[in-house]
Amino acid sequence: MADIQGKRKREARKRRQRRIRARVQGSAERPRLNVFRSANHIYAQLIDDGAGVTLASASTLDQALREAIASLKKAEAARLVGQTLGERALAAGLQEAVFDRGGYRYHGRVAALAEGARAAGLKI
């Protein structure tokens, strides 16, 4: 029974994700900030959809962030990942991005990541 419910939740997220992706398109000047959230980690990347290239990325698995994240809660770690991604984007010469929440609610870790990127100076 629980397996069926989990499958339905995954399928519903995939439907939401497709609906969002139909409207959100990243470019070289304004890439798409894509978020993937697993049970333990969060991943974010800036994608130029025209060229099909990832311009910058950050996650809780980055070696540079591992030590800083070890003692933090998940939402605080997501904020730090967002700040790191924002700093990497600015270093790559990117000022703006389009936010792609990946079918997740804009709440909790997803919102914290976006706020962290904004705090670093990235316009979303």
C-alpha atoms as a PDB file:
ATOM      1  CA  MET A   1       0.000   0.000   0.000  1.00  0.00           C
ATOM      2  CA  ALA A   2       2.771   2.469   0.908  1.00  0.00           C
ATOM      3  CA  ASP A   3       4.589   1.657  -2.333  1.00  0.00           C
ATOM      4  CA  ILE A   4       1.550   2.635  -4.387  1.00  0.00           C
ATOM      5  CA  GLN A   5       1.229   5.924  -2.534  1.00  0.00           C
ATOM      6  CA  GLY A   6       4.935   6.681  -3.076  1.00  0.00           C
ATOM      7  CA  LYS A   7       4.592   5.957  -6.780  1.00  0.00           C
ATOM      8  CA  ARG A   8       1.609   8.312  -7.016  1.00  0.00           C
ATOM      9  CA  LYS A   9       3.560  11.086  -5.269  1.00  0.00           C
ATOM     10  CA  ARG A  10       6.507  10.652  -7.653  1.00  0.00           C
ATOM     11  CA  GLU A  11       4.205  10.711 -10.670  1.00  0.00           C
ATOM     12  CA  ALA A  12       2.428  13.836  -9.387  1.00  0.00           C
ATOM     13  CA  ARG A  13       5.783  15.588  -8.918  1.00  0.00           C
ATOM     14  CA  LYS A  14       6.814  14.600 -12.448  1.00  0.00           C
ATOM     15  CA  ARG A  15       3.562  16.081 -13.811  1.00  0.00           C
ATOM     16  CA  ARG A  16       4.181  19.334 -11.934  1.00  0.00           C
ATOM     17  CA  GLN A  17       7.782  19.345 -13.146  1.00  0.00           C
ATOM     18  CA  ARG A  18       6.716  18.982 -16.809  1.00  0.00           C
ATOM     19  CA  ARG A  19       4.163  21.772 -16.378  1.00  0.00           C
ATOM     20  CA  ILE A  20       6.813  24.106 -14.944  1.00  0.00           C
ATOM     21  CA  ARG A  21       9.380  23.206 -17.614  1.00  0.00           C
ATOM     22  CA  ALA A  22       6.862  24.052 -20.351  1.00  0.00           C
ATOM     23  CA  ARG A  23       6.991  27.674 -19.140  1.00  0.00           C
ATOM     24  CA  VAL A  24      10.537  28.053 -17.812  1.00  0.00           C
ATOM     25  CA  GLN A  25      13.395  28.258 -20.310  1.00  0.00           C
ATOM     26  CA  GLY A  26      17.010  29.079 -19.447  1.00  0.00           C
ATOM     27  CA  SER A  27      19.365  31.035 -21.696  1.00  0.00           C
ATOM     28  CA  ALA A  28      23.037  31.979 -21.602  1.00  0.00           C
ATOM     29  CA  GLU A  29      22.188  35.409 -20.120  1.00  0.00           C
ATOM     30  CA  ARG A  30      19.491  34.132 -17.755  1.00  0.00           C
ATOM     31  CA  PRO A  31      20.001  30.418 -17.017  1.00  0.00           C
ATOM     32  CA  ARG A  32      17.532  28.118 -15.299  1.00  0.00           C
ATOM     33  CA  LEU A  33      18.264  27.447 -11.614  1.00  0.00           C
ATOM     34  CA  ASN A  34      17.178  23.823 -11.292  1.00  0.00           C
ATOM     35  CA  VAL A  35      16.647  22.214  -7.876  1.00  0.00           C
ATOM     36  CA  PHE A  36      16.590  18.516  -6.989  1.00  0.00           C
ATOM     37  CA  ARG A  37      15.790  17.516  -3.438  1.00  0.00           C
ATOM     38  CA  SER A  38      16.340  14.039  -2.067  1.00  0.00           C
ATOM     39  CA  ALA A  39      15.657  12.808   1.451  1.00  0.00           C
ATOM     40  CA  ASN A  40      19.145  13.719   2.678  1.00  0.00           C
ATOM     41  CA  HIS A  41      20.669  16.091   0.119  1.00  0.00           C
ATOM     42  CA  ILE A  42      19.819  19.021  -2.137  1.00  0.00           C
ATOM     43  CA  TYR A  43      21.357  19.790  -5.514  1.00  0.00           C
ATOM     44  CA  ALA A  44      21.165  22.970  -7.595  1.00  0.00           C
ATOM     45  CA  GLN A  45      22.539  23.869 -10.986  1.00  0.00           C
ATOM     46  CA  LEU A  46      22.364  26.740 -13.446  1.00  0.00           C
ATOM     47  CA  ILE A  47      21.509  25.430 -16.911  1.00  0.00           C
ATOM     48  CA  ASP A  48      21.650  27.077 -20.338  1.00  0.00           C
ATOM     49  CA  ASP A  49      18.861  25.176 -22.119  1.00  0.00           C
ATOM     50  CA  GLY A  50      19.778  26.591 -25.532  1.00  0.00           C
ATOM     51  CA  ALA A  51      23.245  25.026 -25.473  1.00  0.00           C
ATOM     52  CA  GLY A  52      22.327  22.203 -23.087  1.00  0.00           C
ATOM     53  CA  VAL A  53      25.167  23.112 -20.735  1.00  0.00           C
ATOM     54  CA  THR A  54      25.436  23.353 -16.958  1.00  0.00           C
ATOM     55  CA  LEU A  55      27.099  26.683 -16.140  1.00  0.00           C
ATOM     56  CA  ALA A  56      27.468  26.287 -12.355  1.00  0.00           C
ATOM     57  CA  SER A  57      26.377  23.820  -9.702  1.00  0.00           C
ATOM     58  CA  ALA A  58      26.422  23.212  -5.966  1.00  0.00           C
ATOM     59  CA  SER A  59      25.111  20.539  -3.644  1.00  0.00           C
ATOM     60  CA  THR A  60      25.377  19.246  -0.115  1.00  0.00           C
ATOM     61  CA  LEU A  61      27.793  16.633  -1.473  1.00  0.00           C
ATOM     62  CA  ASP A  62      30.403  19.223  -2.584  1.00  0.00           C
ATOM     63  CA  GLN A  63      33.736  18.664  -0.888  1.00  0.00           C
ATOM     64  CA  ALA A  64      34.034  22.402  -0.246  1.00  0.00           C
ATOM     65  CA  LEU A  65      30.761  22.413   1.718  1.00  0.00           C
ATOM     66  CA  ARG A  66      30.890  19.028   3.478  1.00  0.00           C
ATOM     67  CA  GLU A  67      32.574  20.240   6.670  1.00  0.00           C
ATOM     68  CA  ALA A  68      30.451  23.389   6.985  1.00  0.00           C
ATOM     69  CA  ILE A  69      27.216  21.452   6.434  1.00  0.00           C
ATOM     70  CA  ALA A  70      27.953  18.553   8.792  1.00  0.00           C
ATOM     71  CA  SER A  71      26.479  20.247  11.870  1.00  0.00           C
ATOM     72  CA  LEU A  72      23.663  22.181  10.146  1.00  0.00           C
ATOM     73  CA  LYS A  73      19.990  21.348   9.760  1.00  0.00           C
ATOM     74  CA  LYS A  74      18.716  20.546   6.268  1.00  0.00           C
ATOM     75  CA  ALA A  75      17.169  23.975   5.605  1.00  0.00           C
ATOM     76  CA  GLU A  76      20.308  25.767   6.813  1.00  0.00           C
ATOM     77  CA  ALA A  77      22.432  23.513   4.605  1.00  0.00           C
ATOM     78  CA  ALA A  78      20.170  24.328   1.639  1.00  0.00           C
ATOM     79  CA  ARG A  79      20.652  28.048   2.290  1.00  0.00           C
ATOM     80  CA  LEU A  80      24.435  27.543   2.291  1.00  0.00           C
ATOM     81  CA  VAL A  81      24.206  25.601  -0.998  1.00  0.00           C
ATOM     82  CA  GLY A  82      22.196  28.496  -2.477  1.00  0.00           C
ATOM     83  CA  GLN A  83      24.771  31.036  -1.319  1.00  0.00           C
ATOM     84  CA  THR A  84      27.587  28.950  -2.799  1.00  0.00           C
ATOM     85  CA  LEU A  85      25.741  28.607  -6.100  1.00  0.00           C
ATOM     86  CA  GLY A  86      25.087  32.363  -6.158  1.00  0.00           C
ATOM     87  CA  GLU A  87      28.761  33.105  -5.566  1.00  0.00           C
ATOM     88  CA  ARG A  88      29.796  30.662  -8.309  1.00  0.00           C
ATOM     89  CA  ALA A  89      27.268  32.228 -10.690  1.00  0.00           C
ATOM     90  CA  LEU A  90      28.571  35.731 -10.028  1.00  0.00           C
ATOM     91  CA  ALA A  91      32.136  34.480 -10.543  1.00  0.00           C
ATOM     92  CA  ALA A  92      31.024  33.058 -13.915  1.00  0.00           C
ATOM     93  CA  GLY A  93      29.555  36.451 -14.862  1.00  0.00           C
ATOM     94  CA  LEU A  94      25.891  35.577 -14.376  1.00  0.00           C
ATOM     95  CA  GLN A  95      23.626  38.142 -12.717  1.00  0.00           C
ATOM     96  CA  GLU A  96      20.111  36.698 -13.176  1.00  0.00           C
ATOM     97  CA  ALA A  97      18.447  33.293 -13.249  1.00  0.00           C
ATOM     98  CA  VAL A  98      15.004  31.772 -13.749  1.00  0.00           C
ATOM     99  CA  PHE A  99      13.947  29.602 -10.806  1.00  0.00           C
ATOM    100  CA  ASP A 100      12.844  26.039 -11.598  1.00  0.00           C
ATOM    101  CA  ARG A 101      11.585  24.440  -8.392  1.00  0.00           C
ATOM    102  CA  GLY A 102      11.443  21.006 -10.038  1.00  0.00           C
ATOM    103  CA  GLY A 103       7.868  20.221  -9.046  1.00  0.00           C
ATOM    104  CA  TYR A 104       8.530  20.772  -5.343  1.00  0.00           C
ATOM    105  CA  ARG A 105       6.580  23.276  -3.248  1.00  0.00           C
ATOM    106  CA  TYR A 106       8.327  26.609  -2.723  1.00  0.00           C
ATOM    107  CA  HIS A 107       8.712  25.874   0.958  1.00  0.00           C
ATOM    108  CA  GLY A 108      11.361  24.683   3.389  1.00  0.00           C
ATOM    109  CA  ARG A 109      14.622  23.614   1.789  1.00  0.00           C
ATOM    110  CA  VAL A 110      13.658  24.761  -1.716  1.00  0.00           C
ATOM    111  CA  ALA A 111      12.781  28.270  -0.494  1.00  0.00           C
ATOM    112  CA  ALA A 112      15.917  28.383   1.689  1.00  0.00           C
ATOM    113  CA  LEU A 113      18.093  27.560  -1.317  1.00  0.00           C
ATOM    114  CA  ALA A 114      16.487  30.368  -3.353  1.00  0.00           C
ATOM    115  CA  GLU A 115      16.922  32.838  -0.477  1.00  0.00           C
ATOM    116  CA  GLY A 116      20.579  31.848  -0.146  1.00  0.00           C
ATOM    117  CA  ALA A 117      21.175  32.466  -3.854  1.00  0.00           C
ATOM    118  CA  ARG A 118      19.475  35.868  -3.557  1.00  0.00           C
ATOM    119  CA  ALA A 119      21.586  36.724  -0.508  1.00  0.00           C
ATOM    120  CA  ALA A 120      24.717  36.041  -2.569  1.00  0.00           C
ATOM    121  CA  GLY A 121      23.535  38.593  -5.141  1.00  0.00           C
ATOM    122  CA  LEU A 122      21.860  36.425  -7.797  1.00  0.00           C
ATOM    123  CA  LYS A 123      18.585  37.900  -9.095  1.00  0.00           C
ATOM    124  CA  ILE A 124      15.850  35.275  -9.299  1.00  0.00           C
END
